[in-house]
Amino acid sequence: MGAVEDLAERRQLLNVAYRLLGSVTEAEDAVQDAYTRWYGLPDGRRAEILLPGAWLTTVTGRICLDLLGSARARRERYVGAWLPEPLPDRAEWDGTGDADPADLIVRDESVAMAFLVVLETMTPAERVAFVLHDVFRYPFAEIAEVLGRTPAACKQLAASARRRVSAARAPAPVRADVVRRVKEAWESKDIAALVGLLDPTAVMTADGGGMVGTVLRPVEGGPRIAQYMAAIAVRAPGLELLERSVNGLPGLVARRDGTVVTVAAFEGDGDRVTRIWVVRNPEKLRPWTPQPS
């Protein structure tokens, strides 16, 4: 496996693993583990494998499946809501330094925060079958190797996952101009303007991981969210709010003293915001503070 093939394969594996795990860090660890196992094979055994990429995908998928199983138990002990790790667009930042694993992940509708949150409702097996088949178009025969089930069983798992996606309200990305108006209303502490930009049934979910202060339960209703946002603006002097892409869609980033402390992703319906996902857990924000060259 040459250097160019290795980079292309690693990019593909990271894209699969991030969608399976919702974490850049865990995805990188899973891919690294798969490569460690590959290079740990005897030379003769590696030579027998005609499609190294397929082998690596199978192993990465199995590693992710195990991680998803253990993650369920960990998230039961998680403080507050657990949200996927948001992805930055490195091109929007100056002085980015060395490439980060997040830079290799393709931003499309399958990494939108709304989509990743729906994936969290699936069982580990459903998620693997759905992501590998519906997102990456792997045949069920190959998915069966990952899950240790028959192709027919994997097809049923993907169909069950598909029903979960259909049952969820179809996510719609919020327009950039709406996000800009939210930013301006927040900066001016204009509750009335915020209420006008939020759907009456809007929901805001925050993830602080127990490491920073934030609401532990979703805030429901446009007026309540607006009041909460305005109160934060009063209590957080010196916070710099930036318009930045979050998982490939318009979002907001709050920065203090050069360090990103909050990332917000949005879902919209016309001129109004219907969902806000706020990530404040500093462990999930490491890719968001560019390192100097």
C-alpha atoms as a PDB file:
ATOM      1  CA  MET A   1       0.000   0.000   0.000  1.00  0.00           C
ATOM      2  CA  GLY A   2       1.713   3.156  -1.237  1.00  0.00           C
ATOM      3  CA  ALA A   3       1.702   6.599   0.377  1.00  0.00           C
ATOM      4  CA  VAL A   4      -0.907   8.023  -2.019  1.00  0.00           C
ATOM      5  CA  GLU A   5      -3.164   4.972  -1.656  1.00  0.00           C
ATOM      6  CA  ASP A   6      -2.658   5.074   2.096  1.00  0.00           C
ATOM      7  CA  LEU A   7      -3.805   8.713   2.313  1.00  0.00           C
ATOM      8  CA  ALA A   8      -6.836   8.096   0.088  1.00  0.00           C
ATOM      9  CA  GLU A   9      -7.756   4.994   2.057  1.00  0.00           C
ATOM     10  CA  ARG A  10      -7.271   6.762   5.379  1.00  0.00           C
ATOM     11  CA  ARG A  11      -9.522   9.589   4.221  1.00  0.00           C
ATOM     12  CA  GLN A  12     -12.255   7.095   3.306  1.00  0.00           C
ATOM     13  CA  LEU A  13     -11.901   5.230   6.599  1.00  0.00           C
ATOM     14  CA  LEU A  14     -12.057   8.463   8.616  1.00  0.00           C
ATOM     15  CA  ASN A  15     -15.201   9.498   6.763  1.00  0.00           C
ATOM     16  CA  VAL A  16     -16.841   6.165   7.549  1.00  0.00           C
ATOM     17  CA  ALA A  17     -15.704   6.151  11.185  1.00  0.00           C
ATOM     18  CA  TYR A  18     -16.809   9.734  11.917  1.00  0.00           C
ATOM     19  CA  ARG A  19     -20.319   9.027  10.668  1.00  0.00           C
ATOM     20  CA  LEU A  20     -20.424   5.847  12.713  1.00  0.00           C
ATOM     21  CA  LEU A  21     -19.088   7.390  15.923  1.00  0.00           C
ATOM     22  CA  GLY A  22     -19.898  11.103  15.762  1.00  0.00           C
ATOM     23  CA  SER A  23     -16.432  11.916  17.092  1.00  0.00           C
ATOM     24  CA  VAL A  24     -13.322  12.982  15.197  1.00  0.00           C
ATOM     25  CA  THR A  25     -11.084  11.795  18.023  1.00  0.00           C
ATOM     26  CA  GLU A  26     -12.690   8.359  18.289  1.00  0.00           C
ATOM     27  CA  ALA A  27     -12.763   8.025  14.495  1.00  0.00           C
ATOM     28  CA  GLU A  28      -9.032   8.742  14.280  1.00  0.00           C
ATOM     29  CA  ASP A  29      -8.344   6.218  17.043  1.00  0.00           C
ATOM     30  CA  ALA A  30     -10.445   3.565  15.304  1.00  0.00           C
ATOM     31  CA  VAL A  31      -8.667   4.074  11.981  1.00  0.00           C
ATOM     32  CA  GLN A  32      -5.265   4.052  13.670  1.00  0.00           C
ATOM     33  CA  ASP A  33      -6.196   0.793  15.401  1.00  0.00           C
ATOM     34  CA  ALA A  34      -7.183  -0.737  12.053  1.00  0.00           C
ATOM     35  CA  TYR A  35      -3.850   0.256  10.486  1.00  0.00           C
ATOM     36  CA  THR A  36      -1.970  -1.105  13.499  1.00  0.00           C
ATOM     37  CA  ARG A  37      -3.686  -4.446  12.975  1.00  0.00           C
ATOM     38  CA  TRP A  38      -2.918  -4.313   9.232  1.00  0.00           C
ATOM     39  CA  TYR A  39       0.791  -3.699   9.695  1.00  0.00           C
ATOM     40  CA  GLY A  40       0.824  -6.235  12.524  1.00  0.00           C
ATOM     41  CA  LEU A  41      -0.122  -9.017  10.114  1.00  0.00           C
ATOM     42  CA  PRO A  42       2.662 -11.341   8.925  1.00  0.00           C
ATOM     43  CA  ASP A  43       3.960 -10.375   5.475  1.00  0.00           C
ATOM     44  CA  GLY A  44       2.565 -13.562   3.988  1.00  0.00           C
ATOM     45  CA  ARG A  45      -0.915 -12.900   5.363  1.00  0.00           C
ATOM     46  CA  ARG A  46      -0.920  -9.318   4.032  1.00  0.00           C
ATOM     47  CA  ALA A  47       0.133 -10.583   0.601  1.00  0.00           C
ATOM     48  CA  GLU A  48      -2.876 -12.904   0.564  1.00  0.00           C
ATOM     49  CA  ILE A  49      -5.315  -9.991   1.003  1.00  0.00           C
ATOM     50  CA  LEU A  50      -6.197  -8.852  -2.511  1.00  0.00           C
ATOM     51  CA  LEU A  51      -8.206  -5.794  -1.431  1.00  0.00           C
ATOM     52  CA  PRO A  52      -6.497  -4.086   1.524  1.00  0.00           C
ATOM     53  CA  GLY A  53      -9.095  -1.296   1.479  1.00  0.00           C
ATOM     54  CA  ALA A  54     -11.954  -3.748   1.936  1.00  0.00           C
ATOM     55  CA  TRP A  55     -10.064  -5.473   4.757  1.00  0.00           C
ATOM     56  CA  LEU A  56      -9.402  -2.159   6.489  1.00  0.00           C
ATOM     57  CA  THR A  57     -13.039  -1.094   6.095  1.00  0.00           C
ATOM     58  CA  THR A  58     -14.228  -4.356   7.641  1.00  0.00           C
ATOM     59  CA  VAL A  59     -11.844  -4.045  10.572  1.00  0.00           C
ATOM     60  CA  THR A  60     -12.634  -0.346  11.086  1.00  0.00           C
ATOM     61  CA  GLY A  61     -16.349  -1.135  11.009  1.00  0.00           C
ATOM     62  CA  ARG A  62     -15.935  -3.852  13.637  1.00  0.00           C
ATOM     63  CA  ILE A  63     -13.904  -1.534  15.860  1.00  0.00           C
ATOM     64  CA  CYS A  64     -16.597   1.148  15.540  1.00  0.00           C
ATOM     65  CA  LEU A  65     -19.315  -1.401  16.291  1.00  0.00           C
ATOM     66  CA  ASP A  66     -17.550  -2.327  19.536  1.00  0.00           C
ATOM     67  CA  LEU A  67     -17.087   1.348  20.409  1.00  0.00           C
ATOM     68  CA  LEU A  68     -20.758   2.100  19.753  1.00  0.00           C
ATOM     69  CA  GLY A  69     -21.756  -0.684  22.119  1.00  0.00           C
ATOM     70  CA  SER A  70     -19.552   0.602  24.933  1.00  0.00           C
ATOM     71  CA  ALA A  71     -20.520   4.224  24.180  1.00  0.00           C
ATOM     72  CA  ARG A  72     -24.127   3.484  25.115  1.00  0.00           C
ATOM     73  CA  ALA A  73     -23.073   2.622  28.644  1.00  0.00           C
ATOM     74  CA  ARG A  74     -20.751   5.641  28.849  1.00  0.00           C
ATOM     75  CA  ARG A  75     -23.454   8.018  27.677  1.00  0.00           C
ATOM     76  CA  GLU A  76     -25.806   6.812  30.387  1.00  0.00           C
ATOM     77  CA  ARG A  77     -23.285   8.288  32.830  1.00  0.00           C
ATOM     78  CA  TYR A  78     -22.662  11.408  30.742  1.00  0.00           C
ATOM     79  CA  VAL A  79     -23.574  14.678  32.437  1.00  0.00           C
ATOM     80  CA  GLY A  80     -26.351  16.323  30.451  1.00  0.00           C
ATOM     81  CA  ALA A  81     -27.012  15.775  26.746  1.00  0.00           C
ATOM     82  CA  TRP A  82     -24.416  14.110  24.495  1.00  0.00           C
ATOM     83  CA  LEU A  83     -23.969  15.686  21.059  1.00  0.00           C
ATOM     84  CA  PRO A  84     -21.716  14.673  18.167  1.00  0.00           C
ATOM     85  CA  GLU A  85     -18.364  16.407  17.889  1.00  0.00           C
ATOM     86  CA  PRO A  86     -18.721  19.393  15.509  1.00  0.00           C
ATOM     87  CA  LEU A  87     -16.533  19.738  12.433  1.00  0.00           C
ATOM     88  CA  PRO A  88     -14.778  22.999  11.540  1.00  0.00           C
ATOM     89  CA  ASP A  89     -13.947  24.188   8.052  1.00  0.00           C
ATOM     90  CA  ARG A  90     -10.226  24.831   8.320  1.00  0.00           C
ATOM     91  CA  ALA A  91     -10.238  27.121   5.280  1.00  0.00           C
ATOM     92  CA  GLU A  92     -12.172  29.680   7.338  1.00  0.00           C
ATOM     93  CA  TRP A  93      -9.392  30.005   9.916  1.00  0.00           C
ATOM     94  CA  ASP A  94      -6.042  31.778   9.593  1.00  0.00           C
ATOM     95  CA  GLY A  95      -2.729  30.241  10.649  1.00  0.00           C
ATOM     96  CA  THR A  96      -4.035  26.704  10.683  1.00  0.00           C
ATOM     97  CA  GLY A  97      -0.729  24.849  10.962  1.00  0.00           C
ATOM     98  CA  ASP A  98      -0.587  21.096  10.337  1.00  0.00           C
ATOM     99  CA  ALA A  99      -3.532  19.209   8.900  1.00  0.00           C
ATOM    100  CA  ASP A 100      -5.980  17.782  11.394  1.00  0.00           C
ATOM    101  CA  PRO A 101      -7.949  14.534  10.909  1.00  0.00           C
ATOM    102  CA  ALA A 102     -11.075  16.699  10.682  1.00  0.00           C
ATOM    103  CA  ASP A 103      -9.656  18.209   7.478  1.00  0.00           C
ATOM    104  CA  LEU A 104      -9.967  14.809   5.758  1.00  0.00           C
ATOM    105  CA  ILE A 105     -13.683  14.449   6.463  1.00  0.00           C
ATOM    106  CA  VAL A 106     -15.977  15.412   3.596  1.00  0.00           C
ATOM    107  CA  ARG A 107     -18.744  17.837   4.573  1.00  0.00           C
ATOM    108  CA  ASP A 108     -22.050  16.751   3.096  1.00  0.00           C
ATOM    109  CA  GLU A 109     -25.600  16.139   4.286  1.00  0.00           C
ATOM    110  CA  SER A 110     -24.505  12.972   6.086  1.00  0.00           C
ATOM    111  CA  VAL A 111     -22.368  14.963   8.557  1.00  0.00           C
ATOM    112  CA  ALA A 112     -24.967  17.655   9.265  1.00  0.00           C
ATOM    113  CA  MET A 113     -25.593  17.834  12.999  1.00  0.00           C
ATOM    114  CA  ALA A 114     -29.300  17.065  12.508  1.00  0.00           C
ATOM    115  CA  PHE A 115     -28.447  13.874  10.613  1.00  0.00           C
ATOM    116  CA  LEU A 116     -25.834  12.751  13.155  1.00  0.00           C
ATOM    117  CA  VAL A 117     -28.336  13.273  15.977  1.00  0.00           C
ATOM    118  CA  VAL A 118     -30.810  10.964  14.187  1.00  0.00           C
ATOM    119  CA  LEU A 119     -28.048   8.359  13.813  1.00  0.00           C
ATOM    120  CA  GLU A 120     -27.700   8.427  17.606  1.00  0.00           C
ATOM    121  CA  THR A 121     -31.215   6.990  17.932  1.00  0.00           C
ATOM    122  CA  MET A 122     -30.205   3.795  16.111  1.00  0.00           C
ATOM    123  CA  THR A 123     -28.843   0.609  17.584  1.00  0.00           C
ATOM    124  CA  PRO A 124     -25.141   0.067  16.846  1.00  0.00           C
ATOM    125  CA  ALA A 125     -25.936  -2.611  14.257  1.00  0.00           C
ATOM    126  CA  GLU A 126     -28.565  -0.442  12.565  1.00  0.00           C
ATOM    127  CA  ARG A 127     -26.177   2.470  12.409  1.00  0.00           C
ATOM    128  CA  VAL A 128     -23.376   0.417  10.860  1.00  0.00           C
ATOM    129  CA  ALA A 129     -25.703  -1.174   8.293  1.00  0.00           C
ATOM    130  CA  PHE A 130     -27.331   2.142   7.383  1.00  0.00           C
ATOM    131  CA  VAL A 131     -24.150   4.212   7.151  1.00  0.00           C
ATOM    132  CA  LEU A 132     -22.203   1.633   5.171  1.00  0.00           C
ATOM    133  CA  HIS A 133     -25.071   0.897   2.768  1.00  0.00           C
ATOM    134  CA  ASP A 134     -27.124   4.084   2.436  1.00  0.00           C
ATOM    135  CA  VAL A 135     -24.308   6.616   2.809  1.00  0.00           C
ATOM    136  CA  PHE A 136     -21.293   4.785   1.355  1.00  0.00           C
ATOM    137  CA  ARG A 137     -23.074   2.256  -0.883  1.00  0.00           C
ATOM    138  CA  TYR A 138     -21.269  -0.811   0.400  1.00  0.00           C
ATOM    139  CA  PRO A 139     -23.034  -4.056  -0.626  1.00  0.00           C
ATOM    140  CA  PHE A 140     -24.784  -6.039   2.078  1.00  0.00           C
ATOM    141  CA  ALA A 141     -22.400  -8.948   1.494  1.00  0.00           C
ATOM    142  CA  GLU A 142     -19.520  -6.779   2.741  1.00  0.00           C
ATOM    143  CA  ILE A 143     -21.594  -5.321   5.590  1.00  0.00           C
ATOM    144  CA  ALA A 144     -22.365  -8.880   6.684  1.00  0.00           C
ATOM    145  CA  GLU A 145     -18.613  -9.379   7.218  1.00  0.00           C
ATOM    146  CA  VAL A 146     -18.563  -6.384   9.553  1.00  0.00           C
ATOM    147  CA  LEU A 147     -21.644  -7.300  11.560  1.00  0.00           C
ATOM    148  CA  GLY A 148     -21.217 -11.060  11.549  1.00  0.00           C
ATOM    149  CA  ARG A 149     -24.768 -11.500  10.235  1.00  0.00           C
ATOM    150  CA  THR A 150     -26.320 -12.640   6.985  1.00  0.00           C
ATOM    151  CA  PRO A 151     -26.743 -10.145   4.129  1.00  0.00           C
ATOM    152  CA  ALA A 152     -30.523 -10.508   4.511  1.00  0.00           C
ATOM    153  CA  ALA A 153     -30.317  -9.587   8.205  1.00  0.00           C
ATOM    154  CA  CYS A 154     -28.141  -6.575   7.357  1.00  0.00           C
ATOM    155  CA  LYS A 155     -30.692  -5.480   4.768  1.00  0.00           C
ATOM    156  CA  GLN A 156     -33.402  -5.592   7.460  1.00  0.00           C
ATOM    157  CA  LEU A 157     -31.230  -3.554   9.833  1.00  0.00           C
ATOM    158  CA  ALA A 158     -30.704  -0.879   7.181  1.00  0.00           C
ATOM    159  CA  ALA A 159     -34.455  -0.800   6.475  1.00  0.00           C
ATOM    160  CA  SER A 160     -35.189  -0.372  10.187  1.00  0.00           C
ATOM    161  CA  ALA A 161     -32.666   2.471  10.385  1.00  0.00           C
ATOM    162  CA  ARG A 162     -34.201   4.052   7.299  1.00  0.00           C
ATOM    163  CA  ARG A 163     -37.582   4.085   9.018  1.00  0.00           C
ATOM    164  CA  ARG A 164     -36.026   5.944  11.949  1.00  0.00           C
ATOM    165  CA  VAL A 165     -34.697   8.572   9.537  1.00  0.00           C
ATOM    166  CA  SER A 166     -38.083   8.870   7.845  1.00  0.00           C
ATOM    167  CA  ALA A 167     -39.880   9.181  11.185  1.00  0.00           C
ATOM    168  CA  ALA A 168     -37.674  12.110  12.178  1.00  0.00           C
ATOM    169  CA  ARG A 169     -38.695  15.469  10.792  1.00  0.00           C
ATOM    170  CA  ALA A 170     -36.758  16.076   7.600  1.00  0.00           C
ATOM    171  CA  PRO A 171     -33.881  18.358   8.640  1.00  0.00           C
ATOM    172  CA  ALA A 172     -33.500  21.640   6.798  1.00  0.00           C
ATOM    173  CA  PRO A 173     -30.330  23.729   6.975  1.00  0.00           C
ATOM    174  CA  VAL A 174     -30.839  27.241   8.239  1.00  0.00           C
ATOM    175  CA  ARG A 175     -29.945  30.035   5.831  1.00  0.00           C
ATOM    176  CA  ALA A 176     -26.754  32.008   6.393  1.00  0.00           C
ATOM    177  CA  ASP A 177     -28.665  35.303   6.580  1.00  0.00           C
ATOM    178  CA  VAL A 178     -30.861  33.940   9.386  1.00  0.00           C
ATOM    179  CA  VAL A 179     -27.782  32.861  11.354  1.00  0.00           C
ATOM    180  CA  ARG A 180     -26.310  36.326  10.829  1.00  0.00           C
ATOM    181  CA  ARG A 181     -29.460  37.940  12.201  1.00  0.00           C
ATOM    182  CA  VAL A 182     -29.358  35.614  15.234  1.00  0.00           C
ATOM    183  CA  LYS A 183     -25.767  36.710  15.845  1.00  0.00           C
ATOM    184  CA  GLU A 184     -26.682  40.403  15.602  1.00  0.00           C
ATOM    185  CA  ALA A 185     -29.704  40.020  17.900  1.00  0.00           C
ATOM    186  CA  TRP A 186     -27.607  38.125  20.450  1.00  0.00           C
ATOM    187  CA  GLU A 187     -24.863  40.742  20.407  1.00  0.00           C
ATOM    188  CA  SER A 188     -27.409  43.521  20.952  1.00  0.00           C
ATOM    189  CA  LYS A 189     -29.279  41.461  23.597  1.00  0.00           C
ATOM    190  CA  ASP A 190     -32.467  42.058  21.596  1.00  0.00           C
ATOM    191  CA  ILE A 191     -34.896  39.481  23.004  1.00  0.00           C
ATOM    192  CA  ALA A 192     -37.736  40.558  20.729  1.00  0.00           C
ATOM    193  CA  ALA A 193     -35.571  40.102  17.627  1.00  0.00           C
ATOM    194  CA  LEU A 194     -34.416  36.684  18.867  1.00  0.00           C
ATOM    195  CA  VAL A 195     -37.995  35.590  19.490  1.00  0.00           C
ATOM    196  CA  GLY A 196     -38.872  36.650  15.945  1.00  0.00           C
ATOM    197  CA  LEU A 197     -36.038  34.497  14.557  1.00  0.00           C
ATOM    198  CA  LEU A 198     -36.948  31.404  16.578  1.00  0.00           C
ATOM    199  CA  ASP A 199     -39.829  29.086  15.811  1.00  0.00           C
ATOM    200  CA  PRO A 200     -42.306  29.034  18.743  1.00  0.00           C
ATOM    201  CA  THR A 201     -41.609  25.297  19.126  1.00  0.00           C
ATOM    202  CA  ALA A 202     -37.818  25.596  18.723  1.00  0.00           C
ATOM    203  CA  VAL A 203     -35.574  23.413  20.900  1.00  0.00           C
ATOM    204  CA  MET A 204     -32.033  24.126  22.048  1.00  0.00           C
ATOM    205  CA  THR A 205     -29.821  21.270  23.282  1.00  0.00           C
ATOM    206  CA  ALA A 206     -26.439  21.919  24.900  1.00  0.00           C
ATOM    207  CA  ASP A 207     -23.499  19.606  25.584  1.00  0.00           C
ATOM    208  CA  GLY A 208     -21.039  20.661  28.279  1.00  0.00           C
ATOM    209  CA  GLY A 209     -20.057  17.166  29.346  1.00  0.00           C
ATOM    210  CA  GLY A 210     -20.083  18.234  32.976  1.00  0.00           C
ATOM    211  CA  MET A 211     -16.872  20.168  32.325  1.00  0.00           C
ATOM    212  CA  VAL A 212     -18.358  23.631  31.786  1.00  0.00           C
ATOM    213  CA  GLY A 213     -21.589  25.268  32.850  1.00  0.00           C
ATOM    214  CA  THR A 214     -24.588  24.829  30.589  1.00  0.00           C
ATOM    215  CA  VAL A 215     -28.213  23.701  30.701  1.00  0.00           C
ATOM    216  CA  LEU A 216     -28.495  19.962  31.369  1.00  0.00           C
ATOM    217  CA  ARG A 217     -31.885  19.583  29.687  1.00  0.00           C
ATOM    218  CA  PRO A 218     -33.152  20.915  26.354  1.00  0.00           C
ATOM    219  CA  VAL A 219     -34.640  24.410  26.432  1.00  0.00           C
ATOM    220  CA  GLU A 220     -37.994  24.356  24.643  1.00  0.00           C
ATOM    221  CA  GLY A 221     -39.879  27.242  23.062  1.00  0.00           C
ATOM    222  CA  GLY A 222     -38.625  30.288  21.176  1.00  0.00           C
ATOM    223  CA  PRO A 223     -39.258  32.804  23.996  1.00  0.00           C
ATOM    224  CA  ARG A 224     -37.438  30.687  26.611  1.00  0.00           C
ATOM    225  CA  ILE A 225     -34.470  30.152  24.292  1.00  0.00           C
ATOM    226  CA  ALA A 226     -34.318  33.884  23.513  1.00  0.00           C
ATOM    227  CA  GLN A 227     -34.325  34.792  27.206  1.00  0.00           C
ATOM    228  CA  TYR A 228     -31.615  32.220  27.897  1.00  0.00           C
ATOM    229  CA  MET A 229     -29.432  33.518  25.048  1.00  0.00           C
ATOM    230  CA  ALA A 230     -29.853  37.131  26.171  1.00  0.00           C
ATOM    231  CA  ALA A 231     -28.926  36.197  29.744  1.00  0.00           C
ATOM    232  CA  ILE A 232     -25.759  34.494  28.493  1.00  0.00           C
ATOM    233  CA  ALA A 233     -24.852  37.633  26.524  1.00  0.00           C
ATOM    234  CA  VAL A 234     -25.074  39.668  29.728  1.00  0.00           C
ATOM    235  CA  ARG A 235     -23.005  37.171  31.743  1.00  0.00           C
ATOM    236  CA  ALA A 236     -20.321  36.684  29.077  1.00  0.00           C
ATOM    237  CA  PRO A 237     -18.628  40.044  28.402  1.00  0.00           C
ATOM    238  CA  GLY A 238     -15.697  39.875  26.025  1.00  0.00           C
ATOM    239  CA  LEU A 239     -17.084  36.897  24.120  1.00  0.00           C
ATOM    240  CA  GLU A 240     -16.407  37.154  20.388  1.00  0.00           C
ATOM    241  CA  LEU A 241     -19.122  35.670  18.173  1.00  0.00           C
ATOM    242  CA  LEU A 242     -18.118  34.515  14.679  1.00  0.00           C
ATOM    243  CA  GLU A 243     -20.050  33.213  11.694  1.00  0.00           C
ATOM    244  CA  ARG A 244     -18.438  29.907  10.750  1.00  0.00           C
ATOM    245  CA  SER A 245     -19.403  26.683   9.018  1.00  0.00           C
ATOM    246  CA  VAL A 246     -20.336  23.898  11.408  1.00  0.00           C
ATOM    247  CA  ASN A 247     -20.367  20.472   9.767  1.00  0.00           C
ATOM    248  CA  GLY A 248     -20.572  22.218   6.417  1.00  0.00           C
ATOM    249  CA  LEU A 249     -23.566  24.436   7.261  1.00  0.00           C
ATOM    250  CA  PRO A 250     -23.926  28.027   8.561  1.00  0.00           C
ATOM    251  CA  GLY A 251     -23.259  28.177  12.299  1.00  0.00           C
ATOM    252  CA  LEU A 252     -21.870  30.346  15.073  1.00  0.00           C
ATOM    253  CA  VAL A 253     -18.671  30.070  17.081  1.00  0.00           C
ATOM    254  CA  ALA A 254     -17.968  31.873  20.346  1.00  0.00           C
ATOM    255  CA  ARG A 255     -14.345  32.623  21.131  1.00  0.00           C
ATOM    256  CA  ARG A 256     -12.671  34.048  24.226  1.00  0.00           C
ATOM    257  CA  ASP A 257      -9.005  35.096  24.281  1.00  0.00           C
ATOM    258  CA  GLY A 258      -8.392  33.221  21.028  1.00  0.00           C
ATOM    259  CA  THR A 259      -9.902  29.944  22.248  1.00  0.00           C
ATOM    260  CA  VAL A 260     -13.189  28.589  20.931  1.00  0.00           C
ATOM    261  CA  VAL A 261     -15.494  27.913  23.878  1.00  0.00           C
ATOM    262  CA  THR A 262     -18.827  27.280  22.125  1.00  0.00           C
ATOM    263  CA  VAL A 263     -19.951  25.984  18.740  1.00  0.00           C
ATOM    264  CA  ALA A 264     -23.597  26.229  17.682  1.00  0.00           C
ATOM    265  CA  ALA A 265     -25.255  24.351  14.812  1.00  0.00           C
ATOM    266  CA  PHE A 266     -28.718  25.228  13.504  1.00  0.00           C
ATOM    267  CA  GLU A 267     -31.689  23.734  11.722  1.00  0.00           C
ATOM    268  CA  GLY A 268     -34.251  25.993  10.123  1.00  0.00           C
ATOM    269  CA  ASP A 269     -37.642  26.338   8.538  1.00  0.00           C
ATOM    270  CA  GLY A 270     -37.819  29.302   6.201  1.00  0.00           C
ATOM    271  CA  ASP A 271     -36.961  32.462   8.122  1.00  0.00           C
ATOM    272  CA  ARG A 272     -36.926  30.801  11.542  1.00  0.00           C
ATOM    273  CA  VAL A 273     -34.631  28.546  13.535  1.00  0.00           C
ATOM    274  CA  THR A 274     -36.219  25.298  14.714  1.00  0.00           C
ATOM    275  CA  ARG A 275     -33.271  23.549  16.399  1.00  0.00           C
ATOM    276  CA  ILE A 276     -30.032  24.706  17.984  1.00  0.00           C
ATOM    277  CA  TRP A 277     -27.284  22.329  19.071  1.00  0.00           C
ATOM    278  CA  VAL A 278     -24.680  23.935  21.325  1.00  0.00           C
ATOM    279  CA  VAL A 279     -21.393  22.130  22.007  1.00  0.00           C
ATOM    280  CA  ARG A 280     -19.353  23.498  24.929  1.00  0.00           C
ATOM    281  CA  ASN A 281     -17.480  20.386  26.061  1.00  0.00           C
ATOM    282  CA  PRO A 282     -13.848  21.528  25.597  1.00  0.00           C
ATOM    283  CA  GLU A 283     -12.736  18.010  24.684  1.00  0.00           C
ATOM    284  CA  LYS A 284     -14.971  18.220  21.606  1.00  0.00           C
ATOM    285  CA  LEU A 285     -13.697  21.662  20.597  1.00  0.00           C
ATOM    286  CA  ARG A 286      -9.976  20.980  20.236  1.00  0.00           C
ATOM    287  CA  PRO A 287     -10.055  21.050  16.403  1.00  0.00           C
ATOM    288  CA  TRP A 288     -11.646  24.516  16.587  1.00  0.00           C
ATOM    289  CA  THR A 289      -8.690  26.428  17.972  1.00  0.00           C
ATOM    290  CA  PRO A 290      -6.158  26.718  15.120  1.00  0.00           C
ATOM    291  CA  GLN A 291      -2.576  26.072  16.103  1.00  0.00           C
ATOM    292  CA  PRO A 292       0.121  28.483  14.844  1.00  0.00           C
ATOM    293  CA  SER A 293       2.385  27.250  12.091  1.00  0.00           C
END
